[in-house]
């Protein structure tokens, strides 16, 4: 379970770091767009890890894990669509870069085993 906690920490750290960078250098709109992009990717991962933590005593099956990942990817795609439709002043560059950084950060979290 420690690896899953590390994933959450890395994803939230990447989200906050990129949000802060875009907010400082490009202004409020870019910072808010970056925050939206990061949270759209980090929150579904957090929810899936929370479900895995709650059901940790149940037997993990490949079908169950596939289903959780399918739900996570569906939530990310839906989140991107909702933000794109609702937030009219979206700065696409900061939105996409931060979302991508959060999605890639789990690779670094899993690679940084101690």
PDB file of N, CA and C in Angstrom:
ATOM      1  N   UNK A   1       0.817  -1.197   0.000  1.00  0.00           N
ATOM      2  CA  UNK A   1       0.000   0.000   0.000  1.00  0.00           C
ATOM      3  C   UNK A   1       0.858   1.258   0.000  1.00  0.00           C
ATOM      4  N   UNK A   2       2.126   1.140   0.448  1.00  0.00           N
ATOM      5  CA  UNK A   2       2.970   2.324   0.496  1.00  0.00           C
ATOM      6  C   UNK A   2       3.237   2.870  -0.904  1.00  0.00           C
ATOM      7  N   UNK A   3       3.337   1.979  -1.902  1.00  0.00           N
ATOM      8  CA  UNK A   3       3.557   2.431  -3.277  1.00  0.00           C
ATOM      9  C   UNK A   3       2.366   3.237  -3.776  1.00  0.00           C
ATOM     10  N   UNK A   4       1.161   2.850  -3.380  1.00  0.00           N
ATOM     11  CA  UNK A   4      -0.019   3.593  -3.804  1.00  0.00           C
ATOM     12  C   UNK A   4      -0.066   4.966  -3.142  1.00  0.00           C
ATOM     13  N   UNK A   5       0.354   5.051  -1.895  1.00  0.00           N
ATOM     14  CA  UNK A   5       0.419   6.351  -1.227  1.00  0.00           C
ATOM     15  C   UNK A   5       1.456   7.247  -1.898  1.00  0.00           C
ATOM     16  N   UNK A   6       2.550   6.638  -2.327  1.00  0.00           N
ATOM     17  CA  UNK A   6       3.592   7.392  -3.019  1.00  0.00           C
ATOM     18  C   UNK A   6       3.072   7.947  -4.341  1.00  0.00           C
ATOM     19  N   UNK A   7       2.217   7.196  -5.022  1.00  0.00           N
ATOM     20  CA  UNK A   7       1.631   7.666  -6.276  1.00  0.00           C
ATOM     21  C   UNK A   7       0.788   8.910  -6.022  1.00  0.00           C
ATOM     22  N   UNK A   8      -0.030   8.880  -4.998  1.00  0.00           N
ATOM     23  CA  UNK A   8      -0.870  10.032  -4.654  1.00  0.00           C
ATOM     24  C   UNK A   8      -0.002  11.241  -4.327  1.00  0.00           C
ATOM     25  N   UNK A   9       1.034  11.048  -3.543  1.00  0.00           N
ATOM     26  CA  UNK A   9       1.919  12.154  -3.165  1.00  0.00           C
ATOM     27  C   UNK A   9       2.588  12.750  -4.391  1.00  0.00           C
ATOM     28  N   UNK A  10       3.104  11.911  -5.292  1.00  0.00           N
ATOM     29  CA  UNK A  10       3.753  12.395  -6.499  1.00  0.00           C
ATOM     30  C   UNK A  10       2.769  13.136  -7.397  1.00  0.00           C
ATOM     31  N   UNK A  11       1.566  12.602  -7.547  1.00  0.00           N
ATOM     32  CA  UNK A  11       0.596  13.253  -8.428  1.00  0.00           C
ATOM     33  C   UNK A  11       0.160  14.603  -7.875  1.00  0.00           C
ATOM     34  N   UNK A  12      -0.133  14.676  -6.597  1.00  0.00           N
ATOM     35  CA  UNK A  12      -0.530  15.960  -6.011  1.00  0.00           C
ATOM     36  C   UNK A  12       0.623  16.948  -6.000  1.00  0.00           C
ATOM     37  N   UNK A  13       1.834  16.462  -5.795  1.00  0.00           N
ATOM     38  CA  UNK A  13       3.008  17.346  -5.844  1.00  0.00           C
ATOM     39  C   UNK A  13       3.210  17.906  -7.248  1.00  0.00           C
ATOM     40  N   UNK A  14       3.072  17.058  -8.261  1.00  0.00           N
ATOM     41  CA  UNK A  14       3.205  17.530  -9.645  1.00  0.00           C
ATOM     42  C   UNK A  14       2.120  18.540  -9.976  1.00  0.00           C
ATOM     43  N   UNK A  15       0.909  18.273  -9.527  1.00  0.00           N
ATOM     44  CA  UNK A  15      -0.202  19.195  -9.763  1.00  0.00           C
ATOM     45  C   UNK A  15       0.076  20.555  -9.132  1.00  0.00           C
ATOM     46  N   UNK A  16       0.480  20.561  -7.887  1.00  0.00           N
ATOM     47  CA  UNK A  16       0.745  21.823  -7.195  1.00  0.00           C
ATOM     48  C   UNK A  16       1.960  22.550  -7.758  1.00  0.00           C
ATOM     49  N   UNK A  17       3.000  21.812  -8.111  1.00  0.00           N
ATOM     50  CA  UNK A  17       4.207  22.425  -8.660  1.00  0.00           C
ATOM     51  C   UNK A  17       3.917  23.113  -9.995  1.00  0.00           C
ATOM     52  N   UNK A  18       3.260  22.411 -10.909  1.00  0.00           N
ATOM     53  CA  UNK A  18       2.963  22.997 -12.212  1.00  0.00           C
ATOM     54  C   UNK A  18       1.952  24.135 -12.098  1.00  0.00           C
ATOM     55  N   UNK A  19       0.998  24.004 -11.183  1.00  0.00           N
ATOM     56  CA  UNK A  19       0.042  25.092 -10.972  1.00  0.00           C
ATOM     57  C   UNK A  19       0.768  26.340 -10.495  1.00  0.00           C
ATOM     58  N   UNK A  20       1.664  26.170  -9.548  1.00  0.00           N
ATOM     59  CA  UNK A  20       2.421  27.302  -9.024  1.00  0.00           C
ATOM     60  C   UNK A  20       3.289  27.935 -10.106  1.00  0.00           C
ATOM     61  N   UNK A  21       3.948  27.121 -10.907  1.00  0.00           N
ATOM     62  CA  UNK A  21       4.803  27.645 -11.983  1.00  0.00           C
ATOM     63  C   UNK A  21       3.973  28.443 -12.995  1.00  0.00           C
ATOM     64  N   UNK A  22       2.866  27.873 -13.439  1.00  0.00           N
ATOM     65  CA  UNK A  22       2.043  28.586 -14.413  1.00  0.00           C
ATOM     66  C   UNK A  22       1.413  29.834 -13.803  1.00  0.00           C
ATOM     67  N   UNK A  23       1.028  29.764 -12.530  1.00  0.00           N
ATOM     68  CA  UNK A  23       0.408  30.911 -11.876  1.00  0.00           C
ATOM     69  C   UNK A  23       1.414  32.070 -11.768  1.00  0.00           C
ATOM     70  N   UNK A  24       2.643  31.760 -11.397  1.00  0.00           N
ATOM     71  CA  UNK A  24       3.656  32.802 -11.222  1.00  0.00           C
ATOM     72  C   UNK A  24       4.047  33.419 -12.563  1.00  0.00           C
ATOM     73  N   UNK A  25       4.303  32.584 -13.570  1.00  0.00           N
ATOM     74  CA  UNK A  25       4.853  33.095 -14.818  1.00  0.00           C
ATOM     75  C   UNK A  25       3.807  33.536 -15.837  1.00  0.00           C
ATOM     76  N   UNK A  26       2.617  32.973 -15.812  1.00  0.00           N
ATOM     77  CA  UNK A  26       1.627  33.304 -16.841  1.00  0.00           C
ATOM     78  C   UNK A  26       0.330  33.892 -16.301  1.00  0.00           C
ATOM     79  N   UNK A  27       0.158  33.963 -14.989  1.00  0.00           N
ATOM     80  CA  UNK A  27      -0.992  34.642 -14.433  1.00  0.00           C
ATOM     81  C   UNK A  27      -2.062  33.713 -13.884  1.00  0.00           C
ATOM     82  N   UNK A  28      -3.144  34.356 -13.410  1.00  0.00           N
ATOM     83  CA  UNK A  28      -4.220  33.632 -12.736  1.00  0.00           C
ATOM     84  C   UNK A  28      -4.934  32.632 -13.632  1.00  0.00           C
ATOM     85  N   UNK A  29      -5.226  33.038 -14.858  1.00  0.00           N
ATOM     86  CA  UNK A  29      -5.974  32.155 -15.761  1.00  0.00           C
ATOM     87  C   UNK A  29      -5.191  30.878 -16.066  1.00  0.00           C
ATOM     88  N   UNK A  30      -3.901  31.021 -16.317  1.00  0.00           N
ATOM     89  CA  UNK A  30      -3.074  29.836 -16.591  1.00  0.00           C
ATOM     90  C   UNK A  30      -2.925  28.965 -15.347  1.00  0.00           C
ATOM     91  N   UNK A  31      -2.802  29.603 -14.200  1.00  0.00           N
ATOM     92  CA  UNK A  31      -2.688  28.842 -12.952  1.00  0.00           C
ATOM     93  C   UNK A  31      -3.947  28.053 -12.654  1.00  0.00           C
ATOM     94  N   UNK A  32      -5.104  28.679 -12.864  1.00  0.00           N
ATOM     95  CA  UNK A  32      -6.363  27.979 -12.628  1.00  0.00           C
ATOM     96  C   UNK A  32      -6.573  26.860 -13.656  1.00  0.00           C
ATOM     97  N   UNK A  33      -6.173  27.107 -14.892  1.00  0.00           N
ATOM     98  CA  UNK A  33      -6.265  26.060 -15.920  1.00  0.00           C
ATOM     99  C   UNK A  33      -5.358  24.886 -15.583  1.00  0.00           C
ATOM    100  N   UNK A  34      -4.162  25.180 -15.097  1.00  0.00           N
ATOM    101  CA  UNK A  34      -3.230  24.118 -14.706  1.00  0.00           C
ATOM    102  C   UNK A  34      -3.775  23.326 -13.527  1.00  0.00           C
ATOM    103  N   UNK A  35      -4.370  24.017 -12.558  1.00  0.00           N
ATOM    104  CA  UNK A  35      -4.959  23.330 -11.416  1.00  0.00           C
ATOM    105  C   UNK A  35      -6.088  22.404 -11.861  1.00  0.00           C
ATOM    106  N   UNK A  36      -6.916  22.876 -12.770  1.00  0.00           N
ATOM    107  CA  UNK A  36      -8.007  22.034 -13.294  1.00  0.00           C
ATOM    108  C   UNK A  36      -7.451  20.805 -14.013  1.00  0.00           C
ATOM    109  N   UNK A  37      -6.428  21.003 -14.842  1.00  0.00           N
ATOM    110  CA  UNK A  37      -5.828  19.876 -15.557  1.00  0.00           C
ATOM    111  C   UNK A  37      -5.206  18.858 -14.623  1.00  0.00           C
ATOM    112  N   UNK A  38      -4.552  19.338 -13.578  1.00  0.00           N
ATOM    113  CA  UNK A  38      -3.946  18.424 -12.619  1.00  0.00           C
ATOM    114  C   UNK A  38      -4.968  17.666 -11.807  1.00  0.00           C
ATOM    115  N   UNK A  39      -6.011  18.361 -11.358  1.00  0.00           N
ATOM    116  CA  UNK A  39      -7.027  17.701 -10.539  1.00  0.00           C
ATOM    117  C   UNK A  39      -7.881  16.731 -11.342  1.00  0.00           C
ATOM    118  N   UNK A  40      -8.100  17.052 -12.623  1.00  0.00           N
ATOM    119  CA  UNK A  40      -8.861  16.129 -13.474  1.00  0.00           C
ATOM    120  C   UNK A  40      -8.150  14.780 -13.560  1.00  0.00           C
ATOM    121  N   UNK A  41      -6.836  14.784 -13.519  1.00  0.00           N
ATOM    122  CA  UNK A  41      -6.074  13.539 -13.606  1.00  0.00           C
ATOM    123  C   UNK A  41      -5.773  12.918 -12.246  1.00  0.00           C
ATOM    124  N   UNK A  42      -5.616  13.742 -11.216  1.00  0.00           N
ATOM    125  CA  UNK A  42      -5.233  13.218  -9.906  1.00  0.00           C
ATOM    126  C   UNK A  42      -6.419  12.662  -9.119  1.00  0.00           C
ATOM    127  N   UNK A  43      -7.571  13.288  -9.210  1.00  0.00           N
ATOM    128  CA  UNK A  43      -8.714  12.841  -8.416  1.00  0.00           C
ATOM    129  C   UNK A  43      -9.216  11.446  -8.788  1.00  0.00           C
ATOM    130  N   UNK A  44      -9.337  11.094 -10.068  1.00  0.00           N
ATOM    131  CA  UNK A  44      -9.735   9.708 -10.371  1.00  0.00           C
ATOM    132  C   UNK A  44      -8.725   8.675  -9.868  1.00  0.00           C
ATOM    133  N   UNK A  45      -7.450   8.979  -9.951  1.00  0.00           N
ATOM    134  CA  UNK A  45      -6.443   8.060  -9.414  1.00  0.00           C
ATOM    135  C   UNK A  45      -6.600   7.915  -7.912  1.00  0.00           C
ATOM    136  N   UNK A  46      -6.847   9.025  -7.234  1.00  0.00           N
ATOM    137  CA  UNK A  46      -7.061   8.984  -5.793  1.00  0.00           C
ATOM    138  C   UNK A  46      -8.282   8.138  -5.450  1.00  0.00           C
ATOM    139  N   UNK A  47      -9.356   8.288  -6.210  1.00  0.00           N
ATOM    140  CA  UNK A  47     -10.563   7.511  -5.934  1.00  0.00           C
ATOM    141  C   UNK A  47     -10.340   6.016  -6.140  1.00  0.00           C
ATOM    142  N   UNK A  48      -9.628   5.645  -7.186  1.00  0.00           N
ATOM    143  CA  UNK A  48      -9.349   4.232  -7.439  1.00  0.00           C
ATOM    144  C   UNK A  48      -8.459   3.666  -6.341  1.00  0.00           C
ATOM    145  N   UNK A  49      -7.460   4.415  -5.919  1.00  0.00           N
ATOM    146  CA  UNK A  49      -6.589   3.940  -4.846  1.00  0.00           C
ATOM    147  C   UNK A  49      -7.363   3.848  -3.534  1.00  0.00           C
ATOM    148  N   UNK A  50      -8.280   4.776  -3.308  1.00  0.00           N
ATOM    149  CA  UNK A  50      -9.128   4.707  -2.119  1.00  0.00           C
ATOM    150  C   UNK A  50      -9.999   3.455  -2.144  1.00  0.00           C
ATOM    151  N   UNK A  51     -10.566   3.125  -3.297  1.00  0.00           N
ATOM    152  CA  UNK A  51     -11.363   1.905  -3.429  1.00  0.00           C
ATOM    153  C   UNK A  51     -10.498   0.668  -3.182  1.00  0.00           C
ATOM    154  N   UNK A  52      -9.295   0.665  -3.736  1.00  0.00           N
ATOM    155  CA  UNK A  52      -8.386  -0.463  -3.499  1.00  0.00           C
ATOM    156  C   UNK A  52      -8.009  -0.580  -2.028  1.00  0.00           C
ATOM    157  N   UNK A  53      -7.848   0.560  -1.360  1.00  0.00           N
ATOM    158  CA  UNK A  53      -7.510   0.536   0.062  1.00  0.00           C
ATOM    159  C   UNK A  53      -8.677   0.009   0.894  1.00  0.00           C
ATOM    160  N   UNK A  54      -9.893   0.428   0.561  1.00  0.00           N
ATOM    161  CA  UNK A  54     -11.069  -0.014   1.311  1.00  0.00           C
ATOM    162  C   UNK A  54     -11.307  -1.511   1.123  1.00  0.00           C
ATOM    163  N   UNK A  55     -11.077  -2.001  -0.088  1.00  0.00           N
ATOM    164  CA  UNK A  55     -11.317  -3.417  -0.388  1.00  0.00           C
ATOM    165  C   UNK A  55     -10.027  -4.225  -0.355  1.00  0.00           C
ATOM    166  N   UNK A  56      -9.069  -3.832   0.465  1.00  0.00           N
ATOM    167  CA  UNK A  56      -7.761  -4.501   0.460  1.00  0.00           C
ATOM    168  C   UNK A  56      -7.810  -5.929   0.974  1.00  0.00           C
ATOM    169  N   UNK A  57      -8.836  -6.283   1.712  1.00  0.00           N
ATOM    170  CA  UNK A  57      -8.935  -7.651   2.220  1.00  0.00           C
ATOM    171  C   UNK A  57      -9.616  -8.579   1.221  1.00  0.00           C
ATOM    172  N   UNK A  58     -10.245  -7.991   0.206  1.00  0.00           N
ATOM    173  CA  UNK A  58     -10.865  -8.817  -0.829  1.00  0.00           C
ATOM    174  C   UNK A  58      -9.781  -9.311  -1.779  1.00  0.00           C
ATOM    175  N   UNK A  59     -10.073 -10.382  -2.456  1.00  0.00           N
ATOM    176  CA  UNK A  59      -9.104 -10.959  -3.383  1.00  0.00           C
ATOM    177  C   UNK A  59      -9.068 -10.122  -4.659  1.00  0.00           C
ATOM    178  N   UNK A  60      -7.901  -9.684  -5.046  1.00  0.00           N
ATOM    179  CA  UNK A  60      -7.742  -8.879  -6.254  1.00  0.00           C
ATOM    180  C   UNK A  60      -7.759  -9.790  -7.476  1.00  0.00           C
ATOM    181  N   UNK A  61      -8.619  -9.473  -8.416  1.00  0.00           N
ATOM    182  CA  UNK A  61      -8.696 -10.239  -9.654  1.00  0.00           C
ATOM    183  C   UNK A  61      -8.289  -9.337 -10.812  1.00  0.00           C
ATOM    184  N   UNK A  62      -7.756  -9.912 -11.871  1.00  0.00           N
ATOM    185  CA  UNK A  62      -7.414  -9.093 -13.037  1.00  0.00           C
ATOM    186  C   UNK A  62      -8.621  -8.351 -13.610  1.00  0.00           C
ATOM    187  N   UNK A  63      -9.784  -8.980 -13.579  1.00  0.00           N
ATOM    188  CA  UNK A  63     -10.981  -8.314 -14.085  1.00  0.00           C
ATOM    189  C   UNK A  63     -11.339  -7.101 -13.226  1.00  0.00           C
ATOM    190  N   UNK A  64     -11.206  -7.229 -11.905  1.00  0.00           N
ATOM    191  CA  UNK A  64     -11.484  -6.114 -11.015  1.00  0.00           C
ATOM    192  C   UNK A  64     -10.534  -4.943 -11.238  1.00  0.00           C
ATOM    193  N   UNK A  65      -9.260  -5.237 -11.383  1.00  0.00           N
ATOM    194  CA  UNK A  65      -8.271  -4.192 -11.622  1.00  0.00           C
ATOM    195  C   UNK A  65      -8.513  -3.537 -12.980  1.00  0.00           C
ATOM    196  N   UNK A  66      -8.841  -4.334 -13.993  1.00  0.00           N
ATOM    197  CA  UNK A  66      -9.170  -3.779 -15.306  1.00  0.00           C
ATOM    198  C   UNK A  66     -10.386  -2.867 -15.216  1.00  0.00           C
ATOM    199  N   UNK A  67     -11.384  -3.272 -14.447  1.00  0.00           N
ATOM    200  CA  UNK A  67     -12.579  -2.468 -14.282  1.00  0.00           C
ATOM    201  C   UNK A  67     -12.267  -1.151 -13.587  1.00  0.00           C
ATOM    202  N   UNK A  68     -11.452  -1.181 -12.534  1.00  0.00           N
ATOM    203  CA  UNK A  68     -11.056   0.050 -11.844  1.00  0.00           C
ATOM    204  C   UNK A  68     -10.303   0.992 -12.787  1.00  0.00           C
ATOM    205  N   UNK A  69      -9.392   0.444 -13.570  1.00  0.00           N
ATOM    206  CA  UNK A  69      -8.634   1.279 -14.506  1.00  0.00           C
ATOM    207  C   UNK A  69      -9.539   1.834 -15.609  1.00  0.00           C
ATOM    208  N   UNK A  70     -10.484   1.060 -16.068  1.00  0.00           N
ATOM    209  CA  UNK A  70     -11.430   1.538 -17.068  1.00  0.00           C
ATOM    210  C   UNK A  70     -12.259   2.698 -16.513  1.00  0.00           C
ATOM    211  N   UNK A  71     -12.699   2.563 -15.271  1.00  0.00           N
ATOM    212  CA  UNK A  71     -13.465   3.631 -14.628  1.00  0.00           C
ATOM    213  C   UNK A  71     -12.591   4.875 -14.469  1.00  0.00           C
ATOM    214  N   UNK A  72     -11.327   4.686 -14.092  1.00  0.00           N
ATOM    215  CA  UNK A  72     -10.420   5.817 -13.906  1.00  0.00           C
ATOM    216  C   UNK A  72     -10.199   6.564 -15.214  1.00  0.00           C
ATOM    217  N   UNK A  73      -9.922   5.845 -16.280  1.00  0.00           N
ATOM    218  CA  UNK A  73      -9.692   6.483 -17.577  1.00  0.00           C
ATOM    219  C   UNK A  73     -10.962   7.176 -18.069  1.00  0.00           C
ATOM    220  N   UNK A  74     -12.099   6.555 -17.854  1.00  0.00           N
ATOM    221  CA  UNK A  74     -13.373   7.169 -18.243  1.00  0.00           C
ATOM    222  C   UNK A  74     -13.618   8.455 -17.469  1.00  0.00           C
ATOM    223  N   UNK A  75     -13.296   8.461 -16.180  1.00  0.00           N
ATOM    224  CA  UNK A  75     -13.468   9.672 -15.371  1.00  0.00           C
ATOM    225  C   UNK A  75     -12.516  10.777 -15.818  1.00  0.00           C
ATOM    226  N   UNK A  76     -11.305  10.428 -16.209  1.00  0.00           N
ATOM    227  CA  UNK A  76     -10.350  11.426 -16.687  1.00  0.00           C
ATOM    228  C   UNK A  76     -10.838  12.046 -17.990  1.00  0.00           C
ATOM    229  N   UNK A  77     -11.281  11.221 -18.925  1.00  0.00           N
ATOM    230  CA  UNK A  77     -11.790  11.741 -20.195  1.00  0.00           C
ATOM    231  C   UNK A  77     -13.011  12.616 -19.969  1.00  0.00           C
ATOM    232  N   UNK A  78     -13.922  12.170 -19.127  1.00  0.00           N
ATOM    233  CA  UNK A  78     -15.111  12.953 -18.810  1.00  0.00           C
ATOM    234  C   UNK A  78     -14.736  14.258 -18.117  1.00  0.00           C
ATOM    235  N   UNK A  79     -13.758  14.221 -17.239  1.00  0.00           N
ATOM    236  CA  UNK A  79     -13.295  15.437 -16.565  1.00  0.00           C
ATOM    237  C   UNK A  79     -12.712  16.438 -17.543  1.00  0.00           C
ATOM    238  N   UNK A  80     -11.898  15.961 -18.499  1.00  0.00           N
ATOM    239  CA  UNK A  80     -11.357  16.846 -19.525  1.00  0.00           C
ATOM    240  C   UNK A  80     -12.478  17.493 -20.329  1.00  0.00           C
ATOM    241  N   UNK A  81     -13.467  16.715 -20.702  1.00  0.00           N
ATOM    242  CA  UNK A  81     -14.585  17.255 -21.479  1.00  0.00           C
ATOM    243  C   UNK A  81     -15.395  18.271 -20.682  1.00  0.00           C
ATOM    244  N   UNK A  82     -15.663  17.973 -19.432  1.00  0.00           N
ATOM    245  CA  UNK A  82     -16.450  18.890 -18.603  1.00  0.00           C
ATOM    246  C   UNK A  82     -15.714  20.211 -18.410  1.00  0.00           C
ATOM    247  N   UNK A  83     -14.428  20.154 -18.101  1.00  0.00           N
ATOM    248  CA  UNK A  83     -13.664  21.389 -17.912  1.00  0.00           C
ATOM    249  C   UNK A  83     -13.598  22.175 -19.212  1.00  0.00           C
ATOM    250  N   UNK A  84     -13.391  21.501 -20.335  1.00  0.00           N
ATOM    251  CA  UNK A  84     -13.315  22.185 -21.622  1.00  0.00           C
ATOM    252  C   UNK A  84     -14.637  22.850 -21.984  1.00  0.00           C
ATOM    253  N   UNK A  85     -15.744  22.251 -21.619  1.00  0.00           N
ATOM    254  CA  UNK A  85     -17.049  22.830 -21.940  1.00  0.00           C
ATOM    255  C   UNK A  85     -17.462  23.930 -20.963  1.00  0.00           C
ATOM    256  N   UNK A  86     -17.089  23.805 -19.697  1.00  0.00           N
ATOM    257  CA  UNK A  86     -17.558  24.742 -18.678  1.00  0.00           C
ATOM    258  C   UNK A  86     -16.653  25.966 -18.553  1.00  0.00           C
ATOM    259  N   UNK A  87     -15.349  25.767 -18.587  1.00  0.00           N
ATOM    260  CA  UNK A  87     -14.396  26.851 -18.354  1.00  0.00           C
ATOM    261  C   UNK A  87     -14.071  27.518 -19.689  1.00  0.00           C
ATOM    262  N   UNK A  88     -14.681  28.655 -19.933  1.00  0.00           N
ATOM    263  CA  UNK A  88     -14.566  29.317 -21.240  1.00  0.00           C
ATOM    264  C   UNK A  88     -13.202  29.960 -21.481  1.00  0.00           C
ATOM    265  N   UNK A  89     -12.513  30.422 -20.434  1.00  0.00           N
ATOM    266  CA  UNK A  89     -11.207  31.067 -20.594  1.00  0.00           C
ATOM    267  C   UNK A  89     -10.054  30.095 -20.363  1.00  0.00           C
ATOM    268  N   UNK A  90     -10.253  28.856 -20.727  1.00  0.00           N
ATOM    269  CA  UNK A  90      -9.258  27.815 -20.471  1.00  0.00           C
ATOM    270  C   UNK A  90      -7.984  28.080 -21.255  1.00  0.00           C
ATOM    271  N   UNK A  91      -6.861  28.046 -20.559  1.00  0.00           N
ATOM    272  CA  UNK A  91      -5.551  28.117 -21.200  1.00  0.00           C
ATOM    273  C   UNK A  91      -5.134  26.680 -21.503  1.00  0.00           C
ATOM    274  N   UNK A  92      -5.270  26.303 -22.757  1.00  0.00           N
ATOM    275  CA  UNK A  92      -5.091  24.913 -23.153  1.00  0.00           C
ATOM    276  C   UNK A  92      -3.686  24.400 -22.889  1.00  0.00           C
ATOM    277  N   UNK A  93      -2.690  25.243 -23.089  1.00  0.00           N
ATOM    278  CA  UNK A  93      -1.312  24.786 -22.918  1.00  0.00           C
ATOM    279  C   UNK A  93      -1.040  24.365 -21.472  1.00  0.00           C
ATOM    280  N   UNK A  94      -1.388  25.216 -20.521  1.00  0.00           N
ATOM    281  CA  UNK A  94      -1.143  24.863 -19.121  1.00  0.00           C
ATOM    282  C   UNK A  94      -2.043  23.709 -18.669  1.00  0.00           C
ATOM    283  N   UNK A  95      -3.257  23.645 -19.201  1.00  0.00           N
ATOM    284  CA  UNK A  95      -4.188  22.568 -18.881  1.00  0.00           C
ATOM    285  C   UNK A  95      -3.637  21.212 -19.319  1.00  0.00           C
ATOM    286  N   UNK A  96      -3.180  21.122 -20.551  1.00  0.00           N
ATOM    287  CA  UNK A  96      -2.667  19.861 -21.104  1.00  0.00           C
ATOM    288  C   UNK A  96      -1.320  19.482 -20.480  1.00  0.00           C
ATOM    289  N   UNK A  97      -0.434  20.462 -20.316  1.00  0.00           N
ATOM    290  CA  UNK A  97       0.894  20.151 -19.758  1.00  0.00           C
ATOM    291  C   UNK A  97       0.773  19.634 -18.335  1.00  0.00           C
ATOM    292  N   UNK A  98      -0.037  20.283 -17.521  1.00  0.00           N
ATOM    293  CA  UNK A  98      -0.184  19.838 -16.135  1.00  0.00           C
ATOM    294  C   UNK A  98      -0.878  18.485 -16.054  1.00  0.00           C
ATOM    295  N   UNK A  99      -1.908  18.289 -16.865  1.00  0.00           N
ATOM    296  CA  UNK A  99      -2.574  16.986 -16.898  1.00  0.00           C
ATOM    297  C   UNK A  99      -1.616  15.884 -17.308  1.00  0.00           C
ATOM    298  N   UNK A 100      -0.804  16.142 -18.317  1.00  0.00           N
ATOM    299  CA  UNK A 100       0.182  15.155 -18.749  1.00  0.00           C
ATOM    300  C   UNK A 100       1.235  14.872 -17.698  1.00  0.00           C
ATOM    301  N   UNK A 101       1.686  15.924 -17.019  1.00  0.00           N
ATOM    302  CA  UNK A 101       2.690  15.736 -15.964  1.00  0.00           C
ATOM    303  C   UNK A 101       2.138  14.903 -14.818  1.00  0.00           C
ATOM    304  N   UNK A 102       0.885  15.131 -14.468  1.00  0.00           N
ATOM    305  CA  UNK A 102       0.271  14.349 -13.386  1.00  0.00           C
ATOM    306  C   UNK A 102       0.101  12.897 -13.821  1.00  0.00           C
ATOM    307  N   UNK A 103      -0.284  12.678 -15.063  1.00  0.00           N
ATOM    308  CA  UNK A 103      -0.453  11.304 -15.549  1.00  0.00           C
ATOM    309  C   UNK A 103       0.871  10.557 -15.610  1.00  0.00           C
ATOM    310  N   UNK A 104       1.944  11.251 -15.932  1.00  0.00           N
ATOM    311  CA  UNK A 104       3.257  10.609 -16.037  1.00  0.00           C
ATOM    312  C   UNK A 104       3.924  10.450 -14.670  1.00  0.00           C
ATOM    313  N   UNK A 105       3.522  11.251 -13.685  1.00  0.00           N
ATOM    314  CA  UNK A 105       4.206  11.247 -12.391  1.00  0.00           C
ATOM    315  C   UNK A 105       4.110   9.910 -11.660  1.00  0.00           C
ATOM    316  N   UNK A 106       3.088   9.099 -11.966  1.00  0.00           N
ATOM    317  CA  UNK A 106       3.006   7.808 -11.272  1.00  0.00           C
ATOM    318  C   UNK A 106       4.151   6.882 -11.674  1.00  0.00           C
ATOM    319  N   UNK A 107       4.707   7.089 -12.851  1.00  0.00           N
ATOM    320  CA  UNK A 107       5.868   6.295 -13.285  1.00  0.00           C
ATOM    321  C   UNK A 107       7.054   6.597 -12.360  1.00  0.00           C
ATOM    322  N   UNK A 108       7.259   7.871 -12.056  1.00  0.00           N
ATOM    323  CA  UNK A 108       8.359   8.248 -11.160  1.00  0.00           C
ATOM    324  C   UNK A 108       8.102   7.769  -9.740  1.00  0.00           C
ATOM    325  N   UNK A 109       6.837   7.783  -9.335  1.00  0.00           N
ATOM    326  CA  UNK A 109       6.516   7.311  -7.986  1.00  0.00           C
ATOM    327  C   UNK A 109       6.812   5.825  -7.839  1.00  0.00           C
ATOM    328  N   UNK A 110       6.479   5.050  -8.845  1.00  0.00           N
ATOM    329  CA  UNK A 110       6.726   3.612  -8.766  1.00  0.00           C
ATOM    330  C   UNK A 110       8.194   3.267  -8.990  1.00  0.00           C
ATOM    331  N   UNK A 111       8.916   4.130  -9.728  1.00  0.00           N
ATOM    332  CA  UNK A 111      10.324   3.885  -9.978  1.00  0.00           C
ATOM    333  C   UNK A 111      11.205   4.285  -8.788  1.00  0.00           C
ATOM    334  N   UNK A 112      10.673   5.099  -7.893  1.00  0.00           N
ATOM    335  CA  UNK A 112      11.472   5.583  -6.766  1.00  0.00           C
ATOM    336  C   UNK A 112      11.330   4.701  -5.540  1.00  0.00           C
ATOM    337  N   UNK A 113      11.365   3.415  -5.743  1.00  0.00           N
ATOM    338  CA  UNK A 113      11.282   2.487  -4.603  1.00  0.00           C
ATOM    339  C   UNK A 113      12.496   2.626  -3.723  1.00  0.00           C
ATOM    340  N   UNK A 114      12.264   2.440  -2.449  1.00  0.00           N
ATOM    341  CA  UNK A 114      13.367   2.587  -1.496  1.00  0.00           C
ATOM    342  C   UNK A 114      13.679   1.285  -0.828  1.00  0.00           C
TER     343      UNK A 114
END
